[in-house]
N, C-alpha and C. Protein backbone atom coordinates (compact mmCIF):
# COMPACT_ATOMS: atom_id res chain seq x y z
N MET A 1 21.93 28.28 4.98
CA MET A 1 23.36 29.30 5.10
C MET A 1 24.55 28.36 5.96
N ASN A 2 25.84 27.99 5.13
CA ASN A 2 27.06 27.58 6.41
C ASN A 2 27.47 28.55 7.32
N LYS A 3 27.17 29.17 7.99
CA LYS A 3 27.98 30.51 8.18
C LYS A 3 29.65 30.33 9.15
N LYS A 4 29.03 29.14 9.57
CA LYS A 4 30.81 28.20 10.18
C LYS A 4 31.96 28.44 8.79
N LEU A 5 30.85 28.04 8.00
CA LEU A 5 32.22 26.91 7.04
C LEU A 5 32.38 28.20 6.18
N ILE A 6 31.78 29.38 5.74
CA ILE A 6 31.88 30.58 5.21
C ILE A 6 33.04 31.63 6.16
N THR A 7 32.38 31.54 7.38
CA THR A 7 33.47 32.11 8.08
C THR A 7 35.21 32.12 8.38
N VAL A 8 35.40 30.08 8.68
CA VAL A 8 36.69 30.06 7.78
C VAL A 8 37.36 29.98 6.80
N ARG A 9 36.24 30.24 5.84
CA ARG A 9 37.05 30.32 4.66
C ARG A 9 37.43 31.22 4.29
N LYS A 10 36.70 32.41 4.89
CA LYS A 10 37.63 33.35 4.67
C LYS A 10 38.77 34.33 5.23
N ALA A 11 38.31 33.42 6.11
CA ALA A 11 39.58 33.90 7.46
C ALA A 11 40.59 33.31 7.02
N ARG A 12 40.31 32.00 6.30
CA ARG A 12 41.93 31.31 5.31
C ARG A 12 42.42 32.03 3.93
N LYS A 13 41.56 33.19 3.59
CA LYS A 13 41.68 33.89 2.70
C LYS A 13 41.46 32.86 1.45
N ILE A 14 40.67 31.75 1.26
CA ILE A 14 40.32 30.85 0.14
C ILE A 14 38.87 31.42 -0.29
N THR A 15 39.12 31.24 -1.74
CA THR A 15 37.85 31.96 -1.98
C THR A 15 36.89 30.64 -2.78
N GLN A 16 35.73 30.63 -2.88
CA GLN A 16 34.74 29.65 -3.50
C GLN A 16 35.31 29.48 -4.66
N ALA A 17 35.86 30.44 -5.43
CA ALA A 17 35.97 29.40 -6.77
C ALA A 17 37.51 28.20 -6.40
N ASP A 18 38.47 28.74 -4.90
CA ASP A 18 39.15 27.76 -4.97
C ASP A 18 38.94 26.85 -4.36
N ILE A 19 37.71 26.55 -3.75
CA ILE A 19 37.41 25.12 -3.01
C ILE A 19 36.71 24.20 -4.55
N ALA A 20 36.03 25.35 -5.34
CA ALA A 20 34.80 24.74 -6.18
C ALA A 20 36.47 23.76 -7.40
N THR A 21 37.05 24.28 -7.39
CA THR A 21 38.54 23.98 -7.99
C THR A 21 39.23 22.77 -7.85
N TYR A 22 39.27 22.57 -6.13
CA TYR A 22 39.50 21.80 -5.32
C TYR A 22 38.86 20.58 -5.62
N LEU A 23 37.16 20.86 -5.43
CA LEU A 23 36.26 19.87 -5.83
C LEU A 23 35.96 19.59 -7.06
N LYS A 24 36.59 19.87 -7.46
CA LYS A 24 36.28 19.88 -9.02
C LYS A 24 34.89 20.17 -9.45
N MET A 25 34.33 21.04 -9.38
CA MET A 25 33.04 21.31 -9.35
C MET A 25 33.34 22.87 -9.71
N SER A 26 31.91 23.23 -10.78
CA SER A 26 32.05 25.42 -11.03
C SER A 26 31.71 25.84 -9.42
N GLN A 27 32.35 26.78 -9.96
CA GLN A 27 32.04 28.12 -8.74
C GLN A 27 30.47 28.14 -8.36
N THR A 28 30.13 28.00 -9.14
CA THR A 28 28.12 28.82 -9.64
C THR A 28 28.20 27.27 -8.36
N GLN A 29 28.56 26.00 -8.68
CA GLN A 29 27.94 24.83 -7.45
C GLN A 29 28.61 24.92 -6.31
N TYR A 30 29.44 25.16 -6.58
CA TYR A 30 30.03 25.20 -4.68
C TYR A 30 29.19 25.89 -4.36
N GLN A 31 29.04 27.45 -4.55
CA GLN A 31 28.39 28.60 -3.54
C GLN A 31 27.01 27.66 -3.70
N LYS A 32 26.02 26.93 -4.21
CA LYS A 32 24.81 26.65 -4.31
C LYS A 32 24.19 25.62 -3.02
N ARG A 33 25.93 25.02 -2.71
CA ARG A 33 26.29 24.43 -1.16
C ARG A 33 26.81 24.94 -0.15
N GLU A 34 27.61 26.11 -0.23
CA GLU A 34 27.47 26.82 0.55
C GLU A 34 26.55 28.13 1.38
N THR A 35 25.68 27.82 0.40
CA THR A 35 24.40 29.19 1.00
C THR A 35 23.56 27.86 0.92
N GLY A 36 24.03 26.64 1.04
CA GLY A 36 22.18 25.68 1.20
C GLY A 36 21.23 25.23 0.59
N LYS A 37 21.34 25.93 -1.20
CA LYS A 37 20.91 25.35 -1.90
C LYS A 37 20.55 23.81 -1.79
N ILE A 38 21.73 23.29 -2.14
CA ILE A 38 22.39 21.92 -2.69
C ILE A 38 23.07 21.25 -0.94
N ILE A 39 22.69 20.27 -0.70
CA ILE A 39 23.50 19.97 0.02
C ILE A 39 24.78 19.26 -0.23
N ILE A 40 25.55 19.49 1.04
CA ILE A 40 26.70 19.15 0.67
C ILE A 40 27.09 18.04 1.38
N SER A 41 27.63 16.76 0.70
CA SER A 41 27.82 15.59 0.70
C SER A 41 29.10 15.17 1.98
N ASP A 42 28.45 14.20 2.35
CA ASP A 42 29.55 14.20 3.70
C ASP A 42 31.36 13.97 3.25
N GLN A 43 31.18 13.37 1.98
CA GLN A 43 33.02 13.45 1.16
C GLN A 43 33.37 14.79 0.90
N GLU A 44 32.63 15.32 0.53
CA GLU A 44 33.09 17.09 0.28
C GLU A 44 33.01 17.98 1.46
N TRP A 45 32.40 17.18 2.82
CA TRP A 45 33.02 17.68 4.02
C TRP A 45 33.76 17.35 4.61
N LYS A 46 34.61 16.42 4.61
CA LYS A 46 36.12 15.85 4.62
C LYS A 46 36.92 16.77 4.10
N ASP A 47 36.60 16.52 2.76
CA ASP A 47 37.68 17.36 1.50
C ASP A 47 38.18 18.75 1.60
N ILE A 48 36.63 19.92 2.23
CA ILE A 48 36.51 20.71 2.03
C ILE A 48 37.44 21.03 3.58
N ALA A 49 37.37 20.15 4.41
CA ALA A 49 37.94 20.46 5.88
C ALA A 49 39.15 20.30 5.60
N ARG A 50 39.82 19.55 5.26
CA ARG A 50 41.23 19.29 4.46
C ARG A 50 41.67 20.42 4.11
N LEU A 51 40.98 21.09 2.94
CA LEU A 51 41.89 22.09 2.14
C LEU A 51 41.84 23.14 3.23
N LEU A 52 40.36 23.59 4.38
CA LEU A 52 40.79 24.11 5.50
C LEU A 52 41.62 24.15 6.27
N ASP A 53 42.10 22.89 6.43
CA ASP A 53 43.13 22.14 7.43
C ASP A 53 42.03 22.56 8.84
N VAL A 54 41.25 22.26 8.95
CA VAL A 54 40.18 22.06 9.90
C VAL A 54 39.47 20.63 10.12
N SER A 55 38.76 20.57 11.92
CA SER A 55 38.01 19.32 11.44
C SER A 55 36.39 19.68 10.54
N VAL A 56 35.88 18.71 10.59
CA VAL A 56 34.49 18.58 9.83
C VAL A 56 33.43 19.37 11.11
N GLU A 57 33.53 19.33 12.17
CA GLU A 57 33.30 19.85 13.38
C GLU A 57 33.21 21.00 12.99
N GLU A 58 34.50 21.82 13.03
CA GLU A 58 34.64 22.76 13.30
C GLU A 58 33.73 24.21 12.24
N ILE A 59 33.17 23.14 10.72
CA ILE A 59 32.65 24.08 10.04
C ILE A 59 31.26 23.25 9.69
N TYR A 60 31.04 22.36 10.28
CA TYR A 60 29.66 21.47 9.95
C TYR A 60 28.41 22.10 10.47
N GLU A 61 27.70 22.52 9.94
CA GLU A 61 26.22 22.65 10.30
C GLU A 61 25.37 22.11 9.83
N GLU A 62 23.94 21.95 11.28
CA GLU A 62 22.82 20.72 10.39
C GLU A 62 22.15 21.60 9.61
N TYR A 63 21.19 21.06 8.34
CA TYR A 63 20.71 21.56 7.89
C TYR A 63 19.14 22.39 8.46
N ASP A 64 18.83 22.86 7.95
CA ASP A 64 17.37 23.39 7.92
C ASP A 64 16.69 22.71 6.64
N ASN A 65 16.37 21.93 6.72
CA ASN A 65 15.68 20.91 5.45
C ASN A 65 14.20 21.00 5.03
N GLN A 66 13.71 22.23 5.54
CA GLN A 66 12.33 22.38 5.24
C GLN A 66 12.41 22.90 3.94
N HIS A 67 12.99 24.00 3.57
CA HIS A 67 13.16 24.90 2.39
C HIS A 67 13.39 23.70 1.25
N LEU A 68 14.20 22.86 1.38
CA LEU A 68 15.01 21.95 0.69
C LEU A 68 13.62 20.87 -0.10
N ILE A 69 12.86 20.57 1.37
CA ILE A 69 11.83 19.62 1.09
C ILE A 69 10.68 20.23 -0.04
N LEU A 70 10.27 21.21 0.61
CA LEU A 70 9.54 22.21 -0.18
C LEU A 70 9.39 22.47 -1.93
N GLN A 71 10.91 23.12 -1.74
CA GLN A 71 11.64 23.33 -3.04
C GLN A 71 11.70 21.76 -4.16
N LYS A 72 11.48 20.97 -3.76
CA LYS A 72 11.14 19.40 -4.03
C LYS A 72 9.75 19.49 -4.35
N LYS A 73 9.18 19.31 -3.42
CA LYS A 73 7.33 19.11 -3.87
C LYS A 73 7.35 20.16 -4.91
N ILE A 74 7.28 21.38 -4.46
CA ILE A 74 6.90 22.84 -5.61
C ILE A 74 7.41 21.96 -7.23
N GLU A 75 8.80 21.60 -7.28
CA GLU A 75 9.43 21.22 -8.78
C GLU A 75 8.23 19.70 -8.80
N ILE A 76 7.89 18.73 -8.06
CA ILE A 76 7.81 17.56 -8.78
C ILE A 76 5.87 18.01 -9.07
N LEU A 77 5.28 19.41 -8.50
CA LEU A 77 3.74 19.54 -8.24
C LEU A 77 3.68 20.32 -9.99
N GLU A 78 4.89 21.15 -10.40
CA GLU A 78 5.26 21.73 -11.77
C GLU A 78 5.46 20.81 -12.36
N LEU A 79 6.12 20.05 -12.72
CA LEU A 79 5.96 18.72 -13.75
C LEU A 79 4.63 17.82 -13.56
N GLN A 80 3.85 17.91 -12.14
CA GLN A 80 2.64 16.83 -12.98
C GLN A 80 1.60 18.15 -13.51
N ILE A 81 1.63 19.61 -13.17
CA ILE A 81 0.80 20.53 -13.74
C ILE A 81 1.20 19.91 -15.22
N LYS A 82 2.48 20.52 -15.93
CA LYS A 82 3.30 20.68 -17.11
C LYS A 82 2.65 19.04 -17.53
N ALA A 83 2.58 17.84 -16.86
CA ALA A 83 2.36 17.06 -17.39
C ALA A 83 0.68 16.62 -17.90
N LEU A 84 -0.38 17.22 -17.02
CA LEU A 84 -1.62 17.34 -17.10
C LEU A 84 -2.05 18.32 -18.22
N ARG A 85 -1.42 19.09 -18.62
CA ARG A 85 -1.30 20.50 -20.01
C ARG A 85 -1.23 19.38 -20.92
N ALA A 86 -0.29 19.12 -20.90
CA ALA A 86 0.62 18.56 -22.21
C ALA A 86 -0.76 17.28 -22.58
N GLY A 87 -1.47 16.69 -21.43
CA GLY A 87 -2.30 15.79 -21.61
C GLY A 87 -3.83 15.68 -22.55
N LYS A 88 -3.82 17.04 -21.91
CA LYS A 88 -5.03 17.99 -22.58
C LYS A 88 -5.25 18.54 -23.76
N LYS A 89 -3.85 18.79 -24.38
CA LYS A 89 -3.49 19.50 -25.92
C LYS A 89 -3.49 18.45 -26.44
N LYS A 90 -3.58 17.34 -25.85
CA LYS A 90 -3.39 15.88 -27.88
C LYS A 90 -5.21 15.96 -27.86
């Protein structure tokens, strides 16, 4: 969760939809970035900071990557299980 970003965005009365439009993505895709489900790229941080008229340092927070790493591992395991099951059905 990007609490600093959310706080500044709300203080500026800018919506998630406003930022999403600025970044040329859907509001859902932006929301996933704001909540930490998708990592915000360096360029996106710069663009968001420009829109909010702040420095990147004022809104940037380090990610807790553990949940993202575990989520990716789960996705890989699910694909492997699906492939194994498909192989047994032949």
